[in-house]
Amino acid sequence: MVLTRLDDMKAEDILTIDLRDKSSIGDYMVVSSGRSQRHVGSLADRVVEDLHKAGVRAHVEGTPRCDWVLIDAGDVIVHVFRPEVRDFYNLEKMWTAGGTARRAS
């Protein structure tokens, strides 16, 4: 559901990281980018809306600034970045050392 919504809303460079053997914070991490603060905010709002409709409670951090919005949906952690902020923090490098990431096609 998260990947579909991000793709529908034209998120860029969507990456799914399998955390099951790396951390107890969740099963998967999704990292994506929006083109602007407005796009990041819209992506996050729609993902949270879909999660809510599915009965999933999500905790959101990073609004209203929308440089980096984190959505904690329990088993899935979603990060939506502006590209410059994503490059600066480079979460992919930290979490994909074992090669357990998959880019959305």
N, C-alpha and C. Protein backbone atom coordinates (compact mmCIF):
# COMPACT_ATOMS: atom_id res chain seq x y z
N MET A 1 0.82 -1.18 0.00
CA MET A 1 0.00 0.00 0.00
C MET A 1 0.88 1.26 0.00
N VAL A 2 1.90 1.29 0.83
CA VAL A 2 2.80 2.45 0.91
C VAL A 2 3.51 2.65 -0.43
N LEU A 3 4.06 1.59 -0.99
CA LEU A 3 4.78 1.71 -2.25
C LEU A 3 3.87 2.15 -3.39
N THR A 4 2.66 1.63 -3.41
CA THR A 4 1.70 2.01 -4.44
C THR A 4 1.36 3.49 -4.35
N ARG A 5 1.10 3.97 -3.14
CA ARG A 5 0.75 5.38 -2.97
C ARG A 5 1.93 6.27 -3.36
N LEU A 6 3.12 5.94 -2.91
CA LEU A 6 4.29 6.74 -3.27
C LEU A 6 4.49 6.78 -4.78
N ASP A 7 4.32 5.65 -5.43
CA ASP A 7 4.46 5.59 -6.89
C ASP A 7 3.36 6.41 -7.57
N ASP A 8 2.13 6.27 -7.11
CA ASP A 8 1.01 7.03 -7.68
C ASP A 8 1.22 8.54 -7.57
N MET A 9 1.85 8.97 -6.48
CA MET A 9 2.06 10.39 -6.23
C MET A 9 3.40 10.89 -6.79
N LYS A 10 4.03 10.07 -7.62
CA LYS A 10 5.27 10.45 -8.30
C LYS A 10 6.46 10.69 -7.37
N ALA A 11 6.54 9.92 -6.29
CA ALA A 11 7.75 9.97 -5.46
C ALA A 11 8.91 9.48 -6.31
N GLU A 12 10.08 9.95 -5.98
CA GLU A 12 11.27 9.60 -6.76
C GLU A 12 12.20 8.69 -5.97
N ASP A 13 12.91 7.85 -6.70
CA ASP A 13 13.97 7.02 -6.13
C ASP A 13 13.49 6.25 -4.89
N ILE A 14 12.43 5.49 -5.05
CA ILE A 14 11.85 4.72 -3.94
C ILE A 14 12.70 3.48 -3.69
N LEU A 15 13.09 3.30 -2.44
CA LEU A 15 13.94 2.18 -2.04
C LEU A 15 13.30 1.48 -0.85
N THR A 16 13.21 0.16 -0.90
CA THR A 16 12.71 -0.63 0.22
C THR A 16 13.88 -1.40 0.83
N ILE A 17 14.03 -1.27 2.13
CA ILE A 17 15.12 -1.93 2.85
C ILE A 17 14.53 -2.95 3.82
N ASP A 18 14.97 -4.17 3.72
CA ASP A 18 14.53 -5.25 4.60
C ASP A 18 15.29 -5.14 5.91
N LEU A 19 14.57 -4.89 7.00
CA LEU A 19 15.20 -4.73 8.32
C LEU A 19 15.05 -5.96 9.21
N ARG A 20 14.38 -6.98 8.74
CA ARG A 20 14.02 -8.11 9.61
C ARG A 20 15.20 -8.75 10.32
N ASP A 21 16.35 -8.83 9.68
CA ASP A 21 17.52 -9.44 10.33
C ASP A 21 18.50 -8.41 10.87
N LYS A 22 18.13 -7.12 10.78
CA LYS A 22 19.05 -6.06 11.19
C LYS A 22 18.61 -5.29 12.43
N SER A 23 17.31 -5.18 12.64
CA SER A 23 16.83 -4.30 13.70
C SER A 23 15.44 -4.73 14.17
N SER A 24 15.12 -4.33 15.38
CA SER A 24 13.78 -4.61 15.91
C SER A 24 12.85 -3.40 15.74
N ILE A 25 13.31 -2.32 15.09
CA ILE A 25 12.46 -1.13 14.93
C ILE A 25 11.33 -1.35 13.94
N GLY A 26 11.46 -2.33 13.08
CA GLY A 26 10.42 -2.62 12.10
C GLY A 26 10.91 -3.70 11.16
N ASP A 27 10.01 -4.12 10.25
CA ASP A 27 10.37 -5.14 9.28
C ASP A 27 10.95 -4.54 8.00
N TYR A 28 10.42 -3.37 7.63
CA TYR A 28 10.86 -2.72 6.39
C TYR A 28 11.01 -1.22 6.60
N MET A 29 11.93 -0.66 5.83
CA MET A 29 12.09 0.79 5.77
C MET A 29 11.92 1.18 4.31
N VAL A 30 11.13 2.19 4.08
CA VAL A 30 10.95 2.72 2.73
C VAL A 30 11.53 4.13 2.72
N VAL A 31 12.42 4.38 1.77
CA VAL A 31 13.06 5.69 1.63
C VAL A 31 12.69 6.22 0.25
N SER A 32 12.21 7.46 0.20
CA SER A 32 11.83 8.05 -1.08
C SER A 32 12.09 9.55 -1.04
N SER A 33 11.98 10.17 -2.22
CA SER A 33 12.20 11.61 -2.32
C SER A 33 11.02 12.28 -3.00
N GLY A 34 10.79 13.52 -2.58
CA GLY A 34 9.85 14.40 -3.25
C GLY A 34 10.64 15.54 -3.85
N ARG A 35 10.08 16.20 -4.85
CA ARG A 35 10.81 17.25 -5.56
C ARG A 35 10.91 18.56 -4.80
N SER A 36 10.04 18.78 -3.84
CA SER A 36 10.00 20.05 -3.10
C SER A 36 9.39 19.79 -1.72
N GLN A 37 9.42 20.79 -0.86
CA GLN A 37 8.78 20.64 0.45
C GLN A 37 7.29 20.34 0.29
N ARG A 38 6.65 21.01 -0.63
CA ARG A 38 5.22 20.78 -0.87
C ARG A 38 4.96 19.34 -1.32
N HIS A 39 5.80 18.83 -2.22
CA HIS A 39 5.64 17.46 -2.70
C HIS A 39 5.89 16.46 -1.58
N VAL A 40 6.93 16.69 -0.77
CA VAL A 40 7.21 15.81 0.38
C VAL A 40 6.01 15.77 1.31
N GLY A 41 5.45 16.95 1.62
CA GLY A 41 4.28 17.01 2.50
C GLY A 41 3.08 16.28 1.93
N SER A 42 2.84 16.44 0.64
CA SER A 42 1.71 15.76 -0.01
C SER A 42 1.89 14.25 -0.01
N LEU A 43 3.11 13.81 -0.31
CA LEU A 43 3.39 12.36 -0.28
C LEU A 43 3.11 11.79 1.11
N ALA A 44 3.63 12.45 2.12
CA ALA A 44 3.45 11.98 3.50
C ALA A 44 1.98 11.98 3.89
N ASP A 45 1.27 13.05 3.57
CA ASP A 45 -0.16 13.14 3.91
C ASP A 45 -0.95 12.00 3.30
N ARG A 46 -0.70 11.71 2.04
CA ARG A 46 -1.46 10.65 1.36
C ARG A 46 -1.12 9.27 1.90
N VAL A 47 0.14 9.02 2.22
CA VAL A 47 0.52 7.73 2.80
C VAL A 47 -0.17 7.56 4.15
N VAL A 48 -0.14 8.60 4.98
CA VAL A 48 -0.78 8.53 6.30
C VAL A 48 -2.29 8.34 6.15
N GLU A 49 -2.89 9.02 5.20
CA GLU A 49 -4.33 8.87 4.95
C GLU A 49 -4.67 7.43 4.58
N ASP A 50 -3.89 6.83 3.68
CA ASP A 50 -4.12 5.43 3.28
C ASP A 50 -3.93 4.47 4.45
N LEU A 51 -2.89 4.72 5.25
CA LEU A 51 -2.68 3.87 6.43
C LEU A 51 -3.85 3.97 7.39
N HIS A 52 -4.34 5.17 7.61
CA HIS A 52 -5.48 5.39 8.50
C HIS A 52 -6.72 4.64 7.98
N LYS A 53 -6.97 4.73 6.67
CA LYS A 53 -8.12 4.03 6.08
C LYS A 53 -7.99 2.51 6.25
N ALA A 54 -6.76 2.01 6.29
CA ALA A 54 -6.52 0.57 6.47
C ALA A 54 -6.50 0.17 7.94
N GLY A 55 -6.71 1.14 8.84
CA GLY A 55 -6.74 0.84 10.26
C GLY A 55 -5.38 0.82 10.92
N VAL A 56 -4.37 1.38 10.26
CA VAL A 56 -3.02 1.40 10.81
C VAL A 56 -2.75 2.77 11.41
N ARG A 57 -2.39 2.79 12.67
CA ARG A 57 -2.03 4.06 13.32
C ARG A 57 -0.58 4.37 12.98
N ALA A 58 -0.35 5.62 12.61
CA ALA A 58 1.00 6.03 12.24
C ALA A 58 1.39 7.26 13.04
N HIS A 59 2.63 7.30 13.44
CA HIS A 59 3.20 8.47 14.10
C HIS A 59 4.02 9.21 13.05
N VAL A 60 3.81 10.52 12.96
CA VAL A 60 4.46 11.32 11.92
C VAL A 60 5.32 12.40 12.56
N GLU A 61 6.53 12.56 12.05
CA GLU A 61 7.43 13.63 12.47
C GLU A 61 7.99 14.32 11.24
N GLY A 62 8.26 15.62 11.35
CA GLY A 62 8.89 16.35 10.27
C GLY A 62 8.01 17.34 9.56
N THR A 63 6.76 17.42 9.96
CA THR A 63 5.88 18.43 9.38
C THR A 63 5.81 19.57 10.37
N PRO A 64 5.61 20.77 10.03
CA PRO A 64 5.24 21.29 8.71
C PRO A 64 6.42 21.63 7.82
N ARG A 65 7.64 21.49 8.28
CA ARG A 65 8.80 21.90 7.48
C ARG A 65 8.95 21.08 6.20
N CYS A 66 8.77 19.79 6.31
CA CYS A 66 8.74 18.88 5.15
C CYS A 66 10.05 18.79 4.38
N ASP A 67 11.18 18.89 5.08
CA ASP A 67 12.46 18.56 4.46
C ASP A 67 12.68 17.06 4.54
N TRP A 68 12.25 16.48 5.67
CA TRP A 68 12.34 15.04 5.92
C TRP A 68 11.15 14.69 6.80
N VAL A 69 10.26 13.88 6.27
CA VAL A 69 9.10 13.43 7.04
C VAL A 69 9.27 11.94 7.31
N LEU A 70 9.13 11.58 8.58
CA LEU A 70 9.22 10.19 9.00
C LEU A 70 7.83 9.73 9.39
N ILE A 71 7.43 8.58 8.87
CA ILE A 71 6.14 7.97 9.20
C ILE A 71 6.43 6.61 9.82
N ASP A 72 6.09 6.46 11.08
CA ASP A 72 6.29 5.19 11.78
C ASP A 72 4.95 4.48 11.82
N ALA A 73 4.83 3.44 11.00
CA ALA A 73 3.59 2.67 10.92
C ALA A 73 3.77 1.29 11.55
N GLY A 74 4.62 1.20 12.54
CA GLY A 74 4.84 -0.08 13.22
C GLY A 74 5.87 -0.92 12.50
N ASP A 75 5.41 -1.85 11.69
CA ASP A 75 6.32 -2.74 10.98
C ASP A 75 7.02 -2.07 9.80
N VAL A 76 6.49 -0.93 9.37
CA VAL A 76 7.05 -0.21 8.23
C VAL A 76 7.39 1.21 8.65
N ILE A 77 8.62 1.61 8.39
CA ILE A 77 9.07 2.97 8.65
C ILE A 77 9.26 3.63 7.29
N VAL A 78 8.62 4.78 7.09
CA VAL A 78 8.68 5.47 5.79
C VAL A 78 9.40 6.81 5.99
N HIS A 79 10.38 7.06 5.14
CA HIS A 79 11.09 8.34 5.13
C HIS A 79 10.83 8.99 3.79
N VAL A 80 10.39 10.25 3.81
CA VAL A 80 10.20 11.02 2.59
C VAL A 80 11.07 12.26 2.71
N PHE A 81 12.01 12.41 1.81
CA PHE A 81 13.01 13.47 1.86
C PHE A 81 12.91 14.42 0.67
N ARG A 82 13.41 15.63 0.85
CA ARG A 82 13.82 16.44 -0.28
C ARG A 82 15.17 15.86 -0.71
N PRO A 83 15.51 15.88 -2.00
CA PRO A 83 16.73 15.21 -2.47
C PRO A 83 18.01 15.65 -1.76
N GLU A 84 18.18 16.95 -1.49
CA GLU A 84 19.41 17.42 -0.84
C GLU A 84 19.53 16.87 0.58
N VAL A 85 18.41 16.80 1.26
CA VAL A 85 18.41 16.31 2.64
C VAL A 85 18.68 14.80 2.64
N ARG A 86 18.11 14.10 1.69
CA ARG A 86 18.37 12.65 1.58
C ARG A 86 19.84 12.39 1.32
N ASP A 87 20.44 13.16 0.42
CA ASP A 87 21.87 13.00 0.13
C ASP A 87 22.72 13.26 1.38
N PHE A 88 22.35 14.27 2.15
CA PHE A 88 23.11 14.63 3.34
C PHE A 88 23.09 13.50 4.38
N TYR A 89 21.90 12.96 4.68
CA TYR A 89 21.79 11.94 5.72
C TYR A 89 22.16 10.54 5.23
N ASN A 90 21.92 10.25 3.96
CA ASN A 90 22.34 9.00 3.33
C ASN A 90 21.98 7.75 4.15
N LEU A 91 20.71 7.65 4.53
CA LEU A 91 20.25 6.48 5.30
C LEU A 91 20.49 5.16 4.57
N GLU A 92 20.41 5.20 3.25
CA GLU A 92 20.59 3.97 2.49
C GLU A 92 21.93 3.33 2.78
N LYS A 93 22.96 4.12 2.84
CA LYS A 93 24.30 3.57 3.08
C LYS A 93 24.38 2.89 4.44
N MET A 94 23.78 3.52 5.44
CA MET A 94 23.83 2.97 6.79
C MET A 94 23.05 1.66 6.90
N TRP A 95 21.91 1.57 6.22
CA TRP A 95 21.03 0.42 6.40
C TRP A 95 21.17 -0.67 5.34
N THR A 96 21.92 -0.43 4.28
CA THR A 96 22.00 -1.44 3.22
C THR A 96 23.37 -2.09 3.10
N ALA A 97 24.15 -2.04 4.13
CA ALA A 97 25.49 -2.65 4.09
C ALA A 97 25.42 -4.13 3.71
N GLY A 98 24.35 -4.81 4.09
CA GLY A 98 24.21 -6.23 3.78
C GLY A 98 23.56 -6.52 2.46
N GLY A 99 23.21 -5.46 1.71
CA GLY A 99 22.63 -5.67 0.39
C GLY A 99 21.18 -6.09 0.40
N THR A 100 20.40 -5.67 1.40
CA THR A 100 19.01 -6.10 1.49
C THR A 100 18.05 -4.98 1.10
N ALA A 101 18.36 -4.25 0.05
CA ALA A 101 17.49 -3.17 -0.42
C ALA A 101 17.00 -3.47 -1.81
N ARG A 102 15.82 -2.91 -2.13
CA ARG A 102 15.25 -3.12 -3.46
C ARG A 102 14.66 -1.80 -3.96
N ARG A 103 15.07 -1.38 -5.13
CA ARG A 103 14.54 -0.17 -5.76
C ARG A 103 13.22 -0.50 -6.42
N ALA A 104 12.27 0.43 -6.29
CA ALA A 104 10.99 0.29 -6.98
C ALA A 104 11.23 0.47 -8.47
N SER A 105 10.51 -0.28 -9.27
CA SER A 105 10.72 -0.15 -10.72
C SER A 105 9.77 0.82 -11.35
